[in-house]
PDB file of N, CA and C in Angstrom:
ATOM      1  N   UNK A   1      20.450 -25.326 -22.207  1.00  0.00           N
ATOM      2  CA  UNK A   1      19.761 -24.226 -23.057  1.00  0.00           C
ATOM      3  C   UNK A   1      20.867 -23.384 -24.484  1.00  0.00           C
ATOM      4  N   UNK A   2      19.955 -23.156 -25.592  1.00  0.00           N
ATOM      5  CA  UNK A   2      21.041 -23.156 -26.376  1.00  0.00           C
ATOM      6  C   UNK A   2      20.500 -21.573 -26.954  1.00  0.00           C
ATOM      7  N   UNK A   3      22.059 -20.803 -26.893  1.00  0.00           N
ATOM      8  CA  UNK A   3      21.832 -19.348 -27.111  1.00  0.00           C
ATOM      9  C   UNK A   3      21.660 -18.854 -25.913  1.00  0.00           C
ATOM     10  N   UNK A   4      22.420 -17.526 -25.624  1.00  0.00           N
ATOM     11  CA  UNK A   4      22.013 -17.206 -24.357  1.00  0.00           C
ATOM     12  C   UNK A   4      21.214 -15.827 -24.820  1.00  0.00           C
ATOM     13  N   UNK A   5      19.962 -15.777 -25.506  1.00  0.00           N
ATOM     14  CA  UNK A   5      19.239 -14.353 -25.046  1.00  0.00           C
ATOM     15  C   UNK A   5      18.707 -14.734 -24.358  1.00  0.00           C
ATOM     16  N   UNK A   6      17.781 -13.869 -23.758  1.00  0.00           N
ATOM     17  CA  UNK A   6      17.415 -13.349 -22.323  1.00  0.00           C
ATOM     18  C   UNK A   6      17.798 -14.298 -21.509  1.00  0.00           C
ATOM     19  N   UNK A   7      19.076 -14.995 -21.084  1.00  0.00           N
ATOM     20  CA  UNK A   7      19.412 -15.549 -20.148  1.00  0.00           C
ATOM     21  C   UNK A   7      20.435 -14.789 -19.287  1.00  0.00           C
ATOM     22  N   UNK A   8      20.023 -14.901 -18.199  1.00  0.00           N
ATOM     23  CA  UNK A   8      21.142 -13.961 -17.205  1.00  0.00           C
ATOM     24  C   UNK A   8      21.338 -15.045 -16.312  1.00  0.00           C
ATOM     25  N   UNK A   9      23.221 -15.018 -16.241  1.00  0.00           N
ATOM     26  CA  UNK A   9      23.509 -16.598 -15.107  1.00  0.00           C
ATOM     27  C   UNK A   9      23.643 -15.376 -13.631  1.00  0.00           C
ATOM     28  N   UNK A  10      23.144 -16.337 -12.780  1.00  0.00           N
ATOM     29  CA  UNK A  10      23.217 -15.489 -11.613  1.00  0.00           C
ATOM     30  C   UNK A  10      24.375 -15.481 -11.172  1.00  0.00           C
ATOM     31  N   UNK A  11      24.984 -14.399 -10.515  1.00  0.00           N
ATOM     32  CA  UNK A  11      25.778 -14.597 -10.094  1.00  0.00           C
ATOM     33  C   UNK A  11      26.275 -14.125  -8.397  1.00  0.00           C
ATOM     34  N   UNK A  12      26.697 -14.498  -7.467  1.00  0.00           N
ATOM     35  CA  UNK A  12      26.489 -14.486  -5.897  1.00  0.00           C
ATOM     36  C   UNK A  12      27.018 -13.267  -5.417  1.00  0.00           C
ATOM     37  N   UNK A  13      26.511 -12.948  -4.489  1.00  0.00           N
ATOM     38  CA  UNK A  13      26.263 -11.938  -3.658  1.00  0.00           C
ATOM     39  C   UNK A  13      27.287 -11.503  -2.698  1.00  0.00           C
ATOM     40  N   UNK A  14      27.596 -10.555  -2.922  1.00  0.00           N
ATOM     41  CA  UNK A  14      29.358 -10.485  -1.898  1.00  0.00           C
ATOM     42  C   UNK A  14      28.396 -10.120  -0.012  1.00  0.00           C
ATOM     43  N   UNK A  15      29.218 -10.397   0.990  1.00  0.00           N
ATOM     44  CA  UNK A  15      28.374  -9.999   2.280  1.00  0.00           C
ATOM     45  C   UNK A  15      27.998  -8.366   2.214  1.00  0.00           C
ATOM     46  N   UNK A  16      29.187  -7.709   1.391  1.00  0.00           N
ATOM     47  CA  UNK A  16      28.544  -6.233   1.689  1.00  0.00           C
ATOM     48  C   UNK A  16      27.952  -5.702   1.045  1.00  0.00           C
ATOM     49  N   UNK A  17      27.516  -6.544   0.094  1.00  0.00           N
ATOM     50  CA  UNK A  17      26.144  -5.677  -0.851  1.00  0.00           C
ATOM     51  C   UNK A  17      25.030  -6.476  -0.201  1.00  0.00           C
ATOM     52  N   UNK A  18      25.280  -7.264   0.442  1.00  0.00           N
ATOM     53  CA  UNK A  18      23.902  -8.257   1.487  1.00  0.00           C
ATOM     54  C   UNK A  18      23.829  -7.283   2.381  1.00  0.00           C
ATOM     55  N   UNK A  19      24.604  -6.951   3.291  1.00  0.00           N
ATOM     56  CA  UNK A  19      24.374  -6.275   4.009  1.00  0.00           C
ATOM     57  C   UNK A  19      23.942  -4.728   4.212  1.00  0.00           C
ATOM     58  N   UNK A  20      24.323  -4.100   2.894  1.00  0.00           N
ATOM     59  CA  UNK A  20      24.036  -2.728   2.464  1.00  0.00           C
ATOM     60  C   UNK A  20      22.395  -2.940   1.763  1.00  0.00           C
ATOM     61  N   UNK A  21      21.830  -3.358   1.144  1.00  0.00           N
ATOM     62  CA  UNK A  21      20.734  -4.265   1.393  1.00  0.00           C
ATOM     63  C   UNK A  21      19.430  -4.031   2.461  1.00  0.00           C
ATOM     64  N   UNK A  22      19.950  -5.037   3.507  1.00  0.00           N
ATOM     65  CA  UNK A  22      19.467  -5.762   4.473  1.00  0.00           C
ATOM     66  C   UNK A  22      19.785  -4.013   5.472  1.00  0.00           C
ATOM     67  N   UNK A  23      20.324  -3.137   5.365  1.00  0.00           N
ATOM     68  CA  UNK A  23      20.677  -1.723   6.346  1.00  0.00           C
ATOM     69  C   UNK A  23      19.513  -0.952   5.597  1.00  0.00           C
ATOM     70  N   UNK A  24      19.274  -1.014   4.064  1.00  0.00           N
ATOM     71  CA  UNK A  24      18.155   0.208   3.373  1.00  0.00           C
ATOM     72  C   UNK A  24      17.167  -0.223   4.081  1.00  0.00           C
ATOM     73  N   UNK A  25      16.634  -1.817   3.962  1.00  0.00           N
ATOM     74  CA  UNK A  25      15.529  -2.030   4.304  1.00  0.00           C
ATOM     75  C   UNK A  25      15.077  -1.978   6.012  1.00  0.00           C
ATOM     76  N   UNK A  26      15.891  -1.828   6.430  1.00  0.00           N
ATOM     77  CA  UNK A  26      15.786  -1.602   7.971  1.00  0.00           C
ATOM     78  C   UNK A  26      15.163   0.076   8.247  1.00  0.00           C
ATOM     79  N   UNK A  27      15.693   0.491   7.463  1.00  0.00           N
ATOM     80  CA  UNK A  27      16.080   2.090   8.079  1.00  0.00           C
ATOM     81  C   UNK A  27      14.151   2.594   7.132  1.00  0.00           C
ATOM     82  N   UNK A  28      13.925   1.752   6.210  1.00  0.00           N
ATOM     83  CA  UNK A  28      12.411   2.259   5.761  1.00  0.00           C
ATOM     84  C   UNK A  28      11.356   1.572   6.360  1.00  0.00           C
ATOM     85  N   UNK A  29      11.803   0.504   7.092  1.00  0.00           N
ATOM     86  CA  UNK A  29      10.723  -0.038   7.576  1.00  0.00           C
ATOM     87  C   UNK A  29      11.244   0.115   9.048  1.00  0.00           C
ATOM     88  N   UNK A  30      12.096   0.882   9.630  1.00  0.00           N
ATOM     89  CA  UNK A  30      12.534   1.236  11.349  1.00  0.00           C
ATOM     90  C   UNK A  30      11.347   1.755  11.685  1.00  0.00           C
ATOM     91  N   UNK A  31      11.809   2.863  13.167  1.00  0.00           N
ATOM     92  CA  UNK A  31      10.511   3.198  13.799  1.00  0.00           C
ATOM     93  C   UNK A  31      10.256   2.717  14.743  1.00  0.00           C
ATOM     94  N   UNK A  32       9.069   3.395  15.945  1.00  0.00           N
ATOM     95  CA  UNK A  32       8.678   3.159  16.688  1.00  0.00           C
ATOM     96  C   UNK A  32       7.382   2.703  16.634  1.00  0.00           C
ATOM     97  N   UNK A  33       6.689   2.185  17.799  1.00  0.00           N
ATOM     98  CA  UNK A  33       5.044   2.575  17.027  1.00  0.00           C
ATOM     99  C   UNK A  33       4.730   3.562  17.893  1.00  0.00           C
ATOM    100  N   UNK A  34       4.816   4.148  18.578  1.00  0.00           N
ATOM    101  CA  UNK A  34       4.881   5.540  18.560  1.00  0.00           C
ATOM    102  C   UNK A  34       4.787   6.613  17.746  1.00  0.00           C
ATOM    103  N   UNK A  35       6.163   6.403  16.791  1.00  0.00           N
ATOM    104  CA  UNK A  35       6.205   7.209  15.556  1.00  0.00           C
ATOM    105  C   UNK A  35       4.530   6.722  14.641  1.00  0.00           C
ATOM    106  N   UNK A  36       4.853   5.224  14.265  1.00  0.00           N
ATOM    107  CA  UNK A  36       3.564   5.155  13.216  1.00  0.00           C
ATOM    108  C   UNK A  36       2.267   5.522  13.983  1.00  0.00           C
ATOM    109  N   UNK A  37       1.766   5.323  14.999  1.00  0.00           N
ATOM    110  CA  UNK A  37       0.482   5.985  15.433  1.00  0.00           C
ATOM    111  C   UNK A  37       0.191   7.193  15.045  1.00  0.00           C
ATOM    112  N   UNK A  38       1.515   8.100  15.436  1.00  0.00           N
ATOM    113  CA  UNK A  38       1.522   9.495  15.304  1.00  0.00           C
ATOM    114  C   UNK A  38       1.466  10.044  13.749  1.00  0.00           C
ATOM    115  N   UNK A  39       2.132   8.882  12.877  1.00  0.00           N
ATOM    116  CA  UNK A  39       1.875   8.734  11.592  1.00  0.00           C
ATOM    117  C   UNK A  39      -0.060   8.549  10.826  1.00  0.00           C
ATOM    118  N   UNK A  40      -0.826   7.600  11.516  1.00  0.00           N
ATOM    119  CA  UNK A  40      -1.676   7.222  10.884  1.00  0.00           C
ATOM    120  C   UNK A  40      -2.755   8.494  11.278  1.00  0.00           C
ATOM    121  N   UNK A  41      -2.630   9.236  12.587  1.00  0.00           N
ATOM    122  CA  UNK A  41      -3.351  10.159  12.975  1.00  0.00           C
ATOM    123  C   UNK A  41      -3.438  11.463  12.143  1.00  0.00           C
ATOM    124  N   UNK A  42      -2.090  11.676  11.545  1.00  0.00           N
ATOM    125  CA  UNK A  42      -2.295  12.700  10.946  1.00  0.00           C
ATOM    126  C   UNK A  42      -2.529  12.648   9.657  1.00  0.00           C
ATOM    127  N   UNK A  43      -2.295  11.501   9.204  1.00  0.00           N
ATOM    128  CA  UNK A  43      -2.932  10.972   7.889  1.00  0.00           C
ATOM    129  C   UNK A  43      -3.949  10.807   8.183  1.00  0.00           C
ATOM    130  N   UNK A  44      -4.918  11.123   8.605  1.00  0.00           N
ATOM    131  CA  UNK A  44      -6.284   9.694   8.875  1.00  0.00           C
ATOM    132  C   UNK A  44      -6.840  10.367   7.496  1.00  0.00           C
ATOM    133  N   UNK A  45      -7.496   8.715   7.350  1.00  0.00           N
ATOM    134  CA  UNK A  45      -8.653   8.674   5.654  1.00  0.00           C
ATOM    135  C   UNK A  45     -10.155   9.281   6.231  1.00  0.00           C
ATOM    136  N   UNK A  46     -10.826  10.631   5.621  1.00  0.00           N
ATOM    137  CA  UNK A  46     -12.139  10.368   6.600  1.00  0.00           C
ATOM    138  C   UNK A  46     -13.155   9.880   5.368  1.00  0.00           C
ATOM    139  N   UNK A  47     -14.179   9.919   5.157  1.00  0.00           N
ATOM    140  CA  UNK A  47     -15.263   9.569   3.919  1.00  0.00           C
ATOM    141  C   UNK A  47     -15.676  10.847   3.074  1.00  0.00           C
ATOM    142  N   UNK A  48     -15.487  10.701   1.633  1.00  0.00           N
ATOM    143  CA  UNK A  48     -15.613  11.720   0.867  1.00  0.00           C
ATOM    144  C   UNK A  48     -14.404  12.729   0.399  1.00  0.00           C
ATOM    145  N   UNK A  49     -13.356  12.126   1.160  1.00  0.00           N
ATOM    146  CA  UNK A  49     -11.835  12.006   1.110  1.00  0.00           C
ATOM    147  C   UNK A  49     -11.599  11.464  -0.746  1.00  0.00           C
ATOM    148  N   UNK A  50     -10.310  12.227  -1.323  1.00  0.00           N
ATOM    149  CA  UNK A  50     -10.106  11.433  -2.665  1.00  0.00           C
ATOM    150  C   UNK A  50      -8.969  10.967  -2.323  1.00  0.00           C
ATOM    151  N   UNK A  51      -9.010   9.184  -2.545  1.00  0.00           N
ATOM    152  CA  UNK A  51      -7.893   8.634  -2.660  1.00  0.00           C
ATOM    153  C   UNK A  51      -7.613   8.001  -3.596  1.00  0.00           C
ATOM    154  N   UNK A  52      -6.273   7.422  -4.047  1.00  0.00           N
ATOM    155  CA  UNK A  52      -5.678   7.334  -4.673  1.00  0.00           C
ATOM    156  C   UNK A  52      -5.289   5.615  -4.232  1.00  0.00           C
ATOM    157  N   UNK A  53      -5.383   4.448  -4.930  1.00  0.00           N
ATOM    158  CA  UNK A  53      -5.550   2.957  -4.407  1.00  0.00           C
ATOM    159  C   UNK A  53      -3.291   2.672  -5.214  1.00  0.00           C
ATOM    160  N   UNK A  54      -2.348   2.849  -4.315  1.00  0.00           N
ATOM    161  CA  UNK A  54      -1.616   2.675  -4.311  1.00  0.00           C
ATOM    162  C   UNK A  54      -0.835   0.937  -4.738  1.00  0.00           C
ATOM    163  N   UNK A  55      -1.792  -0.027  -4.218  1.00  0.00           N
ATOM    164  CA  UNK A  55      -1.184  -1.419  -4.497  1.00  0.00           C
ATOM    165  C   UNK A  55      -2.334  -2.022  -4.507  1.00  0.00           C
ATOM    166  N   UNK A  56      -2.333  -3.355  -5.225  1.00  0.00           N
ATOM    167  CA  UNK A  56      -3.491  -4.276  -5.500  1.00  0.00           C
ATOM    168  C   UNK A  56      -3.783  -4.465  -7.196  1.00  0.00           C
ATOM    169  N   UNK A  57      -4.971  -4.757  -7.480  1.00  0.00           N
ATOM    170  CA  UNK A  57      -5.433  -4.854  -8.863  1.00  0.00           C
ATOM    171  C   UNK A  57      -6.115  -3.526  -9.115  1.00  0.00           C
ATOM    172  N   UNK A  58      -6.158  -2.608  -8.076  1.00  0.00           N
ATOM    173  CA  UNK A  58      -6.579  -1.628  -8.559  1.00  0.00           C
ATOM    174  C   UNK A  58      -5.717  -0.238  -8.534  1.00  0.00           C
ATOM    175  N   UNK A  59      -4.677  -0.917  -7.974  1.00  0.00           N
ATOM    176  CA  UNK A  59      -3.385   0.439  -8.309  1.00  0.00           C
ATOM    177  C   UNK A  59      -3.312   1.567  -9.476  1.00  0.00           C
ATOM    178  N   UNK A  60      -3.358   2.754  -8.964  1.00  0.00           N
ATOM    179  CA  UNK A  60      -3.745   3.985 -10.153  1.00  0.00           C
ATOM    180  C   UNK A  60      -4.597   4.516 -10.040  1.00  0.00           C
ATOM    181  N   UNK A  61      -5.805   3.724  -9.390  1.00  0.00           N
ATOM    182  CA  UNK A  61      -7.207   4.126  -9.368  1.00  0.00           C
ATOM    183  C   UNK A  61      -7.551   5.013  -8.407  1.00  0.00           C
ATOM    184  N   UNK A  62      -7.709   6.192  -8.821  1.00  0.00           N
ATOM    185  CA  UNK A  62      -8.790   7.162  -7.739  1.00  0.00           C
ATOM    186  C   UNK A  62     -10.677   7.259  -8.081  1.00  0.00           C
ATOM    187  N   UNK A  63     -10.889   7.965  -6.116  1.00  0.00           N
ATOM    188  CA  UNK A  63     -12.131   7.873  -6.061  1.00  0.00           C
ATOM    189  C   UNK A  63     -12.223   8.597  -4.423  1.00  0.00           C
ATOM    190  N   UNK A  64     -13.698   8.506  -4.229  1.00  0.00           N
ATOM    191  CA  UNK A  64     -13.809   9.209  -2.871  1.00  0.00           C
ATOM    192  C   UNK A  64     -14.212   7.818  -2.331  1.00  0.00           C
ATOM    193  N   UNK A  65     -13.659   8.362  -0.836  1.00  0.00           N
ATOM    194  CA  UNK A  65     -14.256   7.300   0.138  1.00  0.00           C
ATOM    195  C   UNK A  65     -16.003   7.299   0.514  1.00  0.00           C
ATOM    196  N   UNK A  66     -16.488   5.973  -0.276  1.00  0.00           N
ATOM    197  CA  UNK A  66     -17.759   6.370   0.511  1.00  0.00           C
ATOM    198  C   UNK A  66     -17.646   5.632   1.708  1.00  0.00           C
ATOM    199  N   UNK A  67     -17.223   4.863   2.772  1.00  0.00           N
ATOM    200  CA  UNK A  67     -17.362   3.995   3.967  1.00  0.00           C
ATOM    201  C   UNK A  67     -16.185   3.589   4.544  1.00  0.00           C
ATOM    202  N   UNK A  68     -16.258   3.100   5.837  1.00  0.00           N
ATOM    203  CA  UNK A  68     -14.998   2.888   6.790  1.00  0.00           C
ATOM    204  C   UNK A  68     -15.395   1.885   7.516  1.00  0.00           C
ATOM    205  N   UNK A  69     -14.309   0.957   7.714  1.00  0.00           N
ATOM    206  CA  UNK A  69     -14.806  -0.824   8.645  1.00  0.00           C
ATOM    207  C   UNK A  69     -13.863  -1.265   8.682  1.00  0.00           C
ATOM    208  N   UNK A  70     -13.629  -2.009   9.862  1.00  0.00           N
ATOM    209  CA  UNK A  70     -12.603  -3.227   9.814  1.00  0.00           C
ATOM    210  C   UNK A  70     -12.644  -4.511   8.618  1.00  0.00           C
ATOM    211  N   UNK A  71     -11.569  -4.538   8.683  1.00  0.00           N
ATOM    212  CA  UNK A  71     -11.457  -5.785   7.663  1.00  0.00           C
ATOM    213  C   UNK A  71     -12.477  -6.815   7.514  1.00  0.00           C
ATOM    214  N   UNK A  72     -12.831  -7.464   6.888  1.00  0.00           N
ATOM    215  CA  UNK A  72     -13.406  -8.433   7.255  1.00  0.00           C
ATOM    216  C   UNK A  72     -12.528  -9.727   7.210  1.00  0.00           C
ATOM    217  N   UNK A  73     -12.864 -10.517   8.833  1.00  0.00           N
ATOM    218  CA  UNK A  73     -12.253 -12.002   8.902  1.00  0.00           C
ATOM    219  C   UNK A  73     -10.720 -12.025   9.155  1.00  0.00           C
ATOM    220  N   UNK A  74     -10.652 -10.379   9.924  1.00  0.00           N
ATOM    221  CA  UNK A  74      -9.099 -10.450  10.190  1.00  0.00           C
ATOM    222  C   UNK A  74      -9.230 -10.638  11.730  1.00  0.00           C
ATOM    223  N   UNK A  75      -7.950 -11.560  12.150  1.00  0.00           N
ATOM    224  CA  UNK A  75      -7.740 -12.027  13.156  1.00  0.00           C
ATOM    225  C   UNK A  75      -6.372 -11.021  13.850  1.00  0.00           C
ATOM    226  N   UNK A  76      -5.983 -11.335  15.039  1.00  0.00           N
ATOM    227  CA  UNK A  76      -4.681 -10.646  15.625  1.00  0.00           C
ATOM    228  C   UNK A  76      -4.181  -8.946  15.279  1.00  0.00           C
ATOM    229  N   UNK A  77      -3.135  -8.844  14.882  1.00  0.00           N
ATOM    230  CA  UNK A  77      -2.462  -7.690  14.733  1.00  0.00           C
ATOM    231  C   UNK A  77      -3.471  -6.839  13.197  1.00  0.00           C
ATOM    232  N   UNK A  78      -3.967  -7.964  12.512  1.00  0.00           N
ATOM    233  CA  UNK A  78      -4.836  -7.217  10.989  1.00  0.00           C
ATOM    234  C   UNK A  78      -6.103  -6.658  11.730  1.00  0.00           C
ATOM    235  N   UNK A  79      -6.608  -7.045  12.947  1.00  0.00           N
ATOM    236  CA  UNK A  79      -7.695  -6.698  13.461  1.00  0.00           C
ATOM    237  C   UNK A  79      -8.350  -5.345  13.314  1.00  0.00           C
ATOM    238  N   UNK A  80      -7.073  -4.764  14.043  1.00  0.00           N
ATOM    239  CA  UNK A  80      -6.863  -3.031  14.221  1.00  0.00           C
ATOM    240  C   UNK A  80      -7.110  -2.305  12.738  1.00  0.00           C
ATOM    241  N   UNK A  81      -6.351  -3.179  11.634  1.00  0.00           N
ATOM    242  CA  UNK A  81      -6.473  -2.662  10.406  1.00  0.00           C
ATOM    243  C   UNK A  81      -7.907  -2.337  10.017  1.00  0.00           C
ATOM    244  N   UNK A  82      -8.201  -1.409   9.084  1.00  0.00           N
ATOM    245  CA  UNK A  82      -9.270  -1.185   8.815  1.00  0.00           C
ATOM    246  C   UNK A  82      -9.330  -0.700   7.519  1.00  0.00           C
ATOM    247  N   UNK A  83     -10.928  -1.021   6.538  1.00  0.00           N
ATOM    248  CA  UNK A  83     -10.822  -1.259   5.115  1.00  0.00           C
ATOM    249  C   UNK A  83     -11.412  -0.172   4.785  1.00  0.00           C
ATOM    250  N   UNK A  84     -10.937   0.401   3.576  1.00  0.00           N
ATOM    251  CA  UNK A  84     -11.888   1.799   2.786  1.00  0.00           C
ATOM    252  C   UNK A  84     -12.945   1.280   1.343  1.00  0.00           C
ATOM    253  N   UNK A  85     -14.372   1.458   1.703  1.00  0.00           N
ATOM    254  CA  UNK A  85     -15.477   1.497   0.320  1.00  0.00           C
ATOM    255  C   UNK A  85     -14.715   2.529  -0.210  1.00  0.00           C
ATOM    256  N   UNK A  86     -14.332   2.075  -1.632  1.00  0.00           N
ATOM    257  CA  UNK A  86     -13.869   3.772  -2.697  1.00  0.00           C
ATOM    258  C   UNK A  86     -15.061   3.109  -3.443  1.00  0.00           C
ATOM    259  N   UNK A  87     -15.529   4.595  -4.183  1.00  0.00           N
ATOM    260  CA  UNK A  87     -16.068   4.827  -5.514  1.00  0.00           C
ATOM    261  C   UNK A  87     -15.193   4.570  -6.230  1.00  0.00           C
ATOM    262  N   UNK A  88     -14.889   3.632  -7.402  1.00  0.00           N
ATOM    263  CA  UNK A  88     -13.724   3.385  -8.413  1.00  0.00           C
ATOM    264  C   UNK A  88     -14.747   3.313  -9.697  1.00  0.00           C
ATOM    265  N   UNK A  89     -14.277   3.861 -10.831  1.00  0.00           N
ATOM    266  CA  UNK A  89     -15.064   3.354 -12.000  1.00  0.00           C
ATOM    267  C   UNK A  89     -14.104   2.023 -12.627  1.00  0.00           C
ATOM    268  N   UNK A  90     -15.000   0.875 -13.077  1.00  0.00           N
ATOM    269  CA  UNK A  90     -14.726   0.417 -13.448  1.00  0.00           C
ATOM    270  C   UNK A  90     -15.744  -0.550 -14.741  1.00  0.00           C
ATOM    271  N   UNK A  91     -14.747  -0.218 -15.804  1.00  0.00           N
ATOM    272  CA  UNK A  91     -15.103  -0.772 -16.954  1.00  0.00           C
ATOM    273  C   UNK A  91     -16.265   0.211 -17.316  1.00  0.00           C
ATOM    274  N   UNK A  92     -16.051   1.220 -17.052  1.00  0.00           N
ATOM    275  CA  UNK A  92     -17.180   2.340 -17.078  1.00  0.00           C
ATOM    276  C   UNK A  92     -18.331   3.008 -16.580  1.00  0.00           C
ATOM    277  N   UNK A  93     -18.521   2.053 -15.264  1.00  0.00           N
ATOM    278  CA  UNK A  93     -19.411   2.297 -14.198  1.00  0.00           C
ATOM    279  C   UNK A  93     -18.636   2.380 -13.124  1.00  0.00           C
ATOM    280  N   UNK A  94     -19.547   3.505 -12.093  1.00  0.00           N
ATOM    281  CA  UNK A  94     -18.696   3.277 -10.526  1.00  0.00           C
ATOM    282  C   UNK A  94     -19.773   2.056  -9.983  1.00  0.00           C
ATOM    283  N   UNK A  95     -18.426   1.536  -9.141  1.00  0.00           N
ATOM    284  CA  UNK A  95     -18.506   0.201  -8.698  1.00  0.00           C
ATOM    285  C   UNK A  95     -17.896   0.535  -7.643  1.00  0.00           C
ATOM    286  N   UNK A  96     -18.135   0.360  -6.340  1.00  0.00           N
ATOM    287  CA  UNK A  96     -17.699   0.276  -4.587  1.00  0.00           C
ATOM    288  C   UNK A  96     -16.831  -0.604  -4.733  1.00  0.00           C
ATOM    289  N   UNK A  97     -15.550  -0.563  -4.022  1.00  0.00           N
ATOM    290  CA  UNK A  97     -14.623  -1.691  -4.074  1.00  0.00           C
ATOM    291  C   UNK A  97     -14.086  -1.351  -2.326  1.00  0.00           C
ATOM    292  N   UNK A  98     -13.962  -2.532  -1.688  1.00  0.00           N
ATOM    293  CA  UNK A  98     -13.542  -1.924  -0.706  1.00  0.00           C
ATOM    294  C   UNK A  98     -11.767  -2.466  -0.219  1.00  0.00           C
ATOM    295  N   UNK A  99     -10.801  -1.920  -0.222  1.00  0.00           N
ATOM    296  CA  UNK A  99      -9.984  -1.802  -0.144  1.00  0.00           C
ATOM    297  C   UNK A  99      -8.912  -1.995   0.741  1.00  0.00           C
ATOM    298  N   UNK A 100      -7.911  -1.811   1.774  1.00  0.00           N
ATOM    299  CA  UNK A 100      -6.929  -2.193   2.984  1.00  0.00           C
ATOM    300  C   UNK A 100      -6.394  -0.645   3.428  1.00  0.00           C
ATOM    301  N   UNK A 101      -6.727  -0.549   3.716  1.00  0.00           N
ATOM    302  CA  UNK A 101      -6.777   1.499   4.394  1.00  0.00           C
ATOM    303  C   UNK A 101      -4.791   1.275   3.667  1.00  0.00           C
ATOM    304  N   UNK A 102      -4.067   0.531   3.939  1.00  0.00           N
ATOM    305  CA  UNK A 102      -2.348   0.518   4.059  1.00  0.00           C
ATOM    306  C   UNK A 102      -2.333   0.922   2.765  1.00  0.00           C
ATOM    307  N   UNK A 103      -3.094   0.092   1.782  1.00  0.00           N
ATOM    308  CA  UNK A 103      -3.218   0.199   0.176  1.00  0.00           C
ATOM    309  C   UNK A 103      -3.218   2.115  -0.552  1.00  0.00           C
ATOM    310  N   UNK A 104      -3.567   2.664   0.257  1.00  0.00           N
ATOM    311  CA  UNK A 104      -4.432   4.299  -0.567  1.00  0.00           C
ATOM    312  C   UNK A 104      -3.975   4.831   0.378  1.00  0.00           C
ATOM    313  N   UNK A 105      -4.017   6.378  -0.928  1.00  0.00           N
ATOM    314  CA  UNK A 105      -3.130   7.575   0.038  1.00  0.00           C
ATOM    315  C   UNK A 105      -3.917   8.643  -0.447  1.00  0.00           C
ATOM    316  N   UNK A 106      -4.118   9.553   0.580  1.00  0.00           N
ATOM    317  CA  UNK A 106      -4.884  10.959   0.065  1.00  0.00           C
ATOM    318  C   UNK A 106      -4.589  11.590  -1.406  1.00  0.00           C
ATOM    319  N   UNK A 107      -5.246  12.285  -1.936  1.00  0.00           N
ATOM    320  CA  UNK A 107      -4.850  12.710  -3.158  1.00  0.00           C
ATOM    321  C   UNK A 107      -4.627  14.464  -2.739  1.00  0.00           C
ATOM    322  N   UNK A 108      -3.694  14.972  -3.091  1.00  0.00           N
ATOM    323  CA  UNK A 108      -3.145  16.268  -2.696  1.00  0.00           C
ATOM    324  C   UNK A 108      -4.226  17.451  -3.140  1.00  0.00           C
ATOM    325  N   UNK A 109      -4.812  17.860  -2.496  1.00  0.00           N
ATOM    326  CA  UNK A 109      -6.289  19.148  -2.579  1.00  0.00           C
ATOM    327  C   UNK A 109      -5.267  20.088  -3.657  1.00  0.00           C
ATOM    328  N   UNK A 110      -6.400  20.242  -4.862  1.00  0.00           N
ATOM    329  CA  UNK A 110      -5.500  21.249  -6.306  1.00  0.00           C
ATOM    330  C   UNK A 110      -5.445  22.391  -5.116  1.00  0.00           C
ATOM    331  N   UNK A 111      -4.469  23.496  -5.455  1.00  0.00           N
ATOM    332  CA  UNK A 111      -4.157  24.849  -4.943  1.00  0.00           C
ATOM    333  C   UNK A 111      -4.879  25.543  -5.593  1.00  0.00           C
TER     334      UNK A 111
END
């Protein structure tokens, strides 16, 4: 490669830096199954709740929940996961869009 504009030479990572990253990952993903079950029940998204999509192609869009249901074609651990059908404004039109529940978050109610 001629020149160095935009090129970053990779450097090896120290073992300490690697362990620090692994520890951060464990704390974010940590917890027991009982903790996860309590969290899901407490933040259960109901029909007509206003939610925001946090991941995927519709990230940042908000809309009300039209219906809940299982994810189509899910097997194994994914069979328990639910999908939400939201009404999102896509290209100026209200469109029903099905999104996994894990990609959504309730929008806080205005006080």
